[in-house]
Protein backbone atom coordinates (compact mmCIF):
# COMPACT_ATOMS: atom_id res chain seq x y z
CA MET A 1 101.15 106.53 84.52
CA SER A 2 98.03 108.80 85.99
CA SER A 3 98.65 111.15 89.46
CA LEU A 4 96.27 109.23 92.17
CA GLU A 5 95.20 110.91 95.94
CA TYR A 6 95.73 108.76 98.61
CA GLY A 7 94.31 109.10 101.93
CA TYR A 8 95.81 107.98 105.25
CA LEU A 9 95.14 107.35 108.98
CA GLY A 10 96.82 110.77 109.99
CA PRO A 11 98.34 113.77 111.02
CA PRO A 12 102.01 113.18 109.51
CA GLY A 13 104.39 111.15 111.43
CA THR A 14 101.98 107.95 111.64
CA PHE A 15 103.47 104.56 110.56
CA SER A 16 100.56 105.37 108.00
CA GLU A 17 102.01 108.15 106.21
CA GLN A 18 105.85 106.26 106.36
CA ALA A 19 104.30 103.42 104.67
CA ILE A 20 101.85 105.72 102.04
CA SER A 21 105.26 108.13 101.33
CA THR A 22 107.61 105.77 100.64
CA TYR A 23 104.82 104.07 98.42
CA CYS A 24 104.08 107.42 96.29
CA LYS A 25 108.01 108.05 96.60
CA LYS A 26 108.09 104.81 93.63
CA TYR A 27 105.02 105.51 91.90
CA GLY A 28 103.84 108.92 92.78
CA GLY A 29 100.93 110.59 94.05
CA GLU A 30 99.64 112.92 96.56
CA THR A 31 98.85 112.17 100.18
CA THR A 32 95.98 113.66 102.64
CA ALA A 33 95.51 112.78 106.03
CA TYR A 34 92.43 111.64 108.33
CA PRO A 35 91.65 111.73 111.88
CA SER A 36 90.21 108.00 112.14
CA ILE A 37 89.62 105.03 109.85
CA ARG A 38 86.33 106.12 109.42
CA ASP A 39 86.76 109.06 107.76
CA LEU A 40 89.37 107.69 105.52
CA VAL A 41 86.84 105.06 104.34
CA GLU A 42 84.22 107.89 103.90
CA ALA A 43 86.72 110.68 101.97
CA VAL A 44 87.34 106.91 100.01
CA ASN A 45 83.26 106.58 99.72
CA SER A 46 82.81 110.10 98.37
CA ASP A 47 85.88 110.39 96.06
CA ARG A 48 87.41 113.06 97.83
CA VAL A 49 90.78 110.17 97.56
CA ASP A 50 91.31 107.83 94.75
CA LEU A 51 92.54 105.09 97.53
CA GLY A 52 92.66 104.71 101.08
CA LEU A 53 95.51 103.13 103.22
CA LEU A 54 93.84 100.93 105.75
CA PRO A 55 96.01 99.27 108.81
CA LEU A 56 94.98 95.94 108.18
CA GLU A 57 97.17 93.34 111.16
CA ASN A 58 100.37 93.42 112.75
CA SER A 59 102.56 90.25 112.98
CA LEU A 60 102.67 90.41 116.75
CA GLU A 61 99.47 92.52 117.94
CA GLY A 62 96.87 90.39 114.79
CA SER A 63 94.40 91.94 112.95
CA VAL A 64 92.92 95.69 113.54
CA ASN A 65 89.20 95.14 114.10
CA LEU A 66 87.94 98.27 113.06
CA SER A 67 89.39 97.71 109.33
CA LEU A 68 88.45 94.65 108.80
CA ASP A 69 84.46 95.34 110.20
CA LEU A 70 84.69 98.51 107.35
CA LEU A 71 85.67 96.46 104.38
CA TYR A 72 82.80 94.29 105.09
CA GLN A 73 80.17 97.14 105.93
CA ASN A 74 81.54 98.96 102.77
CA SER A 75 80.54 96.64 100.03
CA GLU A 76 81.33 98.88 97.25
CA LEU A 77 85.28 98.82 98.51
CA LYS A 78 87.80 96.04 96.51
CA LEU A 79 91.71 95.75 97.49
CA TYR A 80 94.17 96.44 95.25
CA ARG A 81 97.76 96.68 96.62
CA GLU A 82 99.17 95.33 100.17
CA ILE A 83 101.93 97.36 102.09
CA ILE A 84 103.89 95.68 104.26
CA LEU A 85 106.29 98.09 106.56
CA PRO A 86 108.34 97.22 109.69
CA ILE A 87 107.85 98.58 112.49
CA SER A 88 109.91 100.38 115.48
CA HIS A 89 108.84 101.86 118.40
CA TYR A 90 110.83 104.57 120.05
CA LEU A 91 110.04 106.31 123.44
CA LEU A 92 109.76 109.92 123.04
CA VAL A 93 109.92 113.05 124.87
CA GLN A 94 110.61 116.69 125.53
CA LYS A 95 114.69 117.73 125.26
CA GLY A 96 116.20 117.10 128.79
CA THR A 97 113.50 114.99 130.21
CA ALA A 98 115.21 111.95 132.05
CA LYS A 99 113.21 108.51 132.11
CA ALA A 100 112.10 109.05 136.08
CA ASP A 101 110.37 112.08 134.84
CA ILE A 102 108.07 110.27 132.93
CA GLU A 103 104.46 109.61 134.81
CA GLU A 104 102.17 109.45 131.25
CA ILE A 105 103.11 107.56 128.46
CA TYR A 106 100.36 108.29 125.66
CA SER A 107 100.17 106.24 121.95
CA HIS A 108 97.67 105.03 119.90
CA PRO A 109 96.56 100.85 121.38
CA GLN A 110 98.37 98.78 118.95
CA ALA A 111 102.04 100.97 119.64
CA ILE A 112 101.07 100.49 123.08
CA ALA A 113 100.14 96.77 122.91
CA GLN A 114 103.24 95.96 120.63
CA SER A 115 105.58 97.88 123.26
CA GLY A 116 103.91 96.15 126.30
CA ASP A 117 106.58 94.68 127.59
CA TYR A 118 109.30 97.09 127.93
CA LEU A 119 106.34 99.16 129.50
CA ALA A 120 105.01 97.00 131.81
CA GLU A 121 109.03 96.40 133.01
CA LYS A 122 110.43 100.05 133.22
CA PHE A 123 107.03 102.04 133.87
CA LYS A 124 104.76 100.45 135.86
CA ASN A 125 103.57 102.94 137.65
CA ALA A 126 103.14 105.59 134.73
CA LYS A 127 99.54 106.08 133.77
CA ILE A 128 99.25 104.67 129.79
CA ILE A 129 97.03 107.13 127.77
CA TYR A 130 95.54 105.60 124.44
CA THR A 131 95.53 108.25 121.50
CA ASP A 132 94.32 108.07 118.48
CA SER A 133 97.19 108.12 116.37
CA THR A 134 100.68 107.79 117.25
CA ALA A 135 101.15 111.27 116.33
CA ALA A 136 98.48 113.10 118.62
CA ALA A 137 100.56 111.39 121.38
CA ALA A 138 103.68 113.25 120.37
CA GLU A 139 101.58 116.58 120.13
CA LYS A 140 100.59 115.59 124.08
CA ALA A 141 104.44 114.76 125.00
CA VAL A 142 105.22 118.04 123.58
CA GLU A 143 102.73 119.44 126.61
CA ALA A 144 104.67 118.68 129.73
CA LYS A 145 107.94 117.22 130.79
CA ASN A 146 106.03 114.51 132.50
CA ARG A 147 105.05 113.00 129.65
CA ALA A 148 106.27 110.77 127.08
CA ALA A 149 105.26 109.61 123.36
CA VAL A 150 105.62 105.95 121.61
CA GLY A 151 105.76 106.19 118.11
CA SER A 152 108.31 107.00 115.01
CA ILE A 153 111.60 107.80 114.72
CA ARG A 154 109.91 110.78 112.23
CA LEU A 155 108.15 112.00 115.29
CA SER A 156 111.50 112.87 117.08
CA ASP A 157 111.85 115.10 113.96
CA ILE A 158 108.63 116.43 112.92
CA TYR A 159 107.74 117.67 117.07
CA GLU A 160 111.48 117.96 118.38
CA LEU A 161 110.91 115.60 120.91
CA GLU A 162 113.82 113.37 122.11
CA VAL A 163 114.49 109.92 121.46
CA ILE A 164 115.12 108.59 124.94
CA GLU A 165 114.74 104.55 124.20
CA LYS A 166 114.31 102.24 120.69
CA ASN A 167 113.09 98.99 119.82
CA LEU A 168 110.64 99.10 122.59
CA GLN A 169 109.29 96.02 121.07
CA GLY A 170 111.97 93.80 121.73
CA ASN A 171 113.64 91.72 119.62
CA LEU A 172 110.30 90.33 118.04
CA PRO A 173 109.82 90.59 114.11
CA ASN A 174 107.35 93.57 114.29
CA SER A 175 105.66 94.79 111.20
CA THR A 176 102.41 95.66 109.67
CA ARG A 177 100.26 95.16 106.54
CA PHE A 178 98.74 98.05 105.01
CA VAL A 179 96.11 97.51 102.04
CA LEU A 180 94.88 100.12 99.84
CA ALA A 181 91.26 100.16 99.17
CA ALA A 182 89.06 101.83 96.45
CA LYS A 183 85.60 102.03 94.86
CA ARG A 184 84.85 99.47 92.64
CA ASP A 185 84.21 101.94 89.56
CA LYS A 186 87.54 103.06 90.19
CA ASP A 187 89.58 102.78 86.67
CA PHE A 188 93.21 102.20 87.14
CA SER A 189 94.21 100.79 84.12
CA LYS A 190 96.95 103.91 83.52
CA ASN A 191 98.49 102.46 86.64
CA ASN A 192 100.18 99.55 86.58
CA HIS A 193 101.19 98.95 90.09
CA LEU A 194 97.33 98.50 91.19
CA GLY A 195 95.38 94.89 91.44
CA GLU A 196 95.35 92.40 88.72
CA LEU A 197 97.28 95.24 85.94
CA ALA A 198 100.50 94.45 88.14
CA GLU A 199 103.46 92.04 87.29
CA SER A 200 103.81 90.51 90.29
CA ASP A 201 103.03 87.53 92.65
CA PHE A 202 99.36 87.95 93.89
CA LYS A 203 97.02 87.46 97.02
CA THR A 204 93.24 87.19 96.87
CA SER A 205 90.92 88.29 99.74
CA ILE A 206 87.53 87.43 100.00
CA ILE A 207 84.48 87.29 102.53
CA CYS A 208 82.09 84.89 103.04
CA ALA A 209 79.80 82.60 105.21
CA PRO A 210 78.45 79.29 104.84
CA LYS A 211 74.85 78.76 104.17
CA VAL A 212 74.55 76.54 107.39
CA ASN A 213 76.08 76.81 110.03
CA GLU A 214 77.04 73.53 111.72
CA ALA A 215 79.03 71.00 111.86
CA GLY A 216 82.04 70.70 109.83
CA VAL A 217 81.22 73.36 107.17
CA LEU A 218 83.71 75.68 107.07
CA TYR A 219 86.05 72.26 107.10
CA ARG A 220 84.49 71.49 103.82
CA MET A 221 84.47 75.06 102.30
CA LEU A 222 88.31 75.16 102.69
CA GLY A 223 88.74 71.90 101.61
CA LYS A 224 87.74 73.35 98.11
CA PHE A 225 91.38 75.01 98.12
CA ALA A 226 93.13 72.38 99.37
CA GLU A 227 91.75 70.00 96.42
CA GLY A 228 92.78 72.91 93.99
CA ASN A 229 96.01 72.89 96.25
CA ILE A 230 95.60 76.51 96.91
CA ASP A 231 97.67 77.85 100.18
CA LEU A 232 95.49 79.98 102.98
CA THR A 233 98.15 82.27 103.99
CA ARG A 234 95.14 83.75 106.63
CA ILE A 235 91.90 83.39 108.12
CA GLU A 236 89.90 85.00 110.58
CA SER A 237 86.41 85.29 112.27
CA ARG A 238 84.55 88.33 112.41
CA PRO A 239 81.05 88.44 114.37
CA SER A 240 78.02 89.11 111.26
CA ARG A 241 76.51 91.45 114.05
CA GLN A 242 73.20 89.86 112.96
CA ARG A 243 72.70 87.74 115.42
CA LEU A 244 74.80 85.86 118.45
CA GLY A 245 77.32 83.41 117.25
CA GLU A 246 77.20 83.72 113.51
CA TYR A 247 80.15 84.62 112.02
CA ILE A 248 81.43 85.78 108.60
CA PHE A 249 85.27 84.97 107.73
CA TYR A 250 87.99 86.85 105.54
CA ILE A 251 89.93 84.65 103.77
CA ASP A 252 93.12 85.17 102.34
CA LEU A 253 95.19 83.30 99.62
CA LYS A 254 98.08 83.30 97.32
CA GLY A 255 97.41 83.43 93.87
CA CYS A 256 95.22 85.66 91.36
CA ALA A 257 91.43 85.46 91.05
CA ALA A 258 91.70 85.18 87.24
CA ASP A 259 93.82 81.76 87.83
CA GLU A 260 92.06 79.20 86.57
CA GLN A 261 92.46 76.43 89.76
CA LEU A 262 91.47 79.71 91.84
CA LYS A 263 88.59 80.86 90.18
CA SER A 264 86.87 77.75 90.02
CA ALA A 265 87.23 77.17 93.71
CA LEU A 266 86.21 80.46 94.64
CA ALA A 267 83.01 79.66 92.63
CA GLU A 268 82.31 76.59 94.63
CA VAL A 269 82.75 78.36 97.86
CA GLU A 270 80.51 80.87 96.87
CA THR A 271 77.48 78.84 95.99
CA MET A 272 78.14 77.47 99.60
CA SER A 273 78.02 80.64 101.08
CA SER A 274 74.92 83.18 102.15
CA TYR A 275 77.68 85.67 101.78
CA PHE A 276 80.18 85.60 99.61
CA ARG A 277 82.28 88.93 97.92
CA LEU A 278 85.56 88.55 96.28
CA LEU A 279 87.80 91.92 98.12
CA GLY A 280 90.33 91.78 95.08
CA SER A 281 93.25 90.30 93.99
CA TYR A 282 96.45 92.09 94.18
CA PRO A 283 100.47 92.52 94.42
CA LYS A 284 102.13 93.54 97.64
CA THR A 285 105.33 95.78 98.36
CA ILE A 286 108.01 95.33 101.19
CA ILE A 287 109.09 98.60 102.15
CA ASP A 288 112.83 98.03 103.42
């Protein structure tokens, strides 16, 4: 197994870092933080890292649209692994700060949304300020006693912050799905935990757009998978950015693209598409 370099959305203390560091403990590798998802994709494209960990969707708040759009815009990217991370949000402050002192709450938009019910009930008068990451929010909380950050428990250790409330997301199951993306020409043959080399149940992801935008066309395309008894686990549309009302579809399916039934269905869907791309077949890791 060769050592790999992984990029992630930093700085240290983000949920992305938690996911990739746990993954690397099992499979090895080095990590590098990047300040934005765009910077992370650029690092993958320019070979500064072998793979980039992209946040793709959250069980409470849905898809990370920027990640979806960047996968579409960067045609050389391929998916090699899925990582599922359970998410728990904490309210973090300078030591000695009381809830009554908090006037400003900082965090990434996804973390704020996932904690929305709690914040609306307990801090209806506080100003909510978005940051590029939960770690950037912790940096803001360090600066003043009237500030709080929403983020992971790890941030309390890194920034010496005090936890004054936990499980801000409530009782709903909260997890984030990440994917490891790399350039298609990468050789991971010595890394049997990636892509179709892994011994695992597989998921396959595609992007497609129908040739003709007419009633029933998507139904007919998806019918090709139903005919092969292939389970869809997710379908989502995004604007093509070509013209108003034109969309592309992201579809996740159970199985490997090398399986005969799925291979045949994919070929039929491709003939019905003006745009078709196999993003990859890959295994998943669920982090406890």
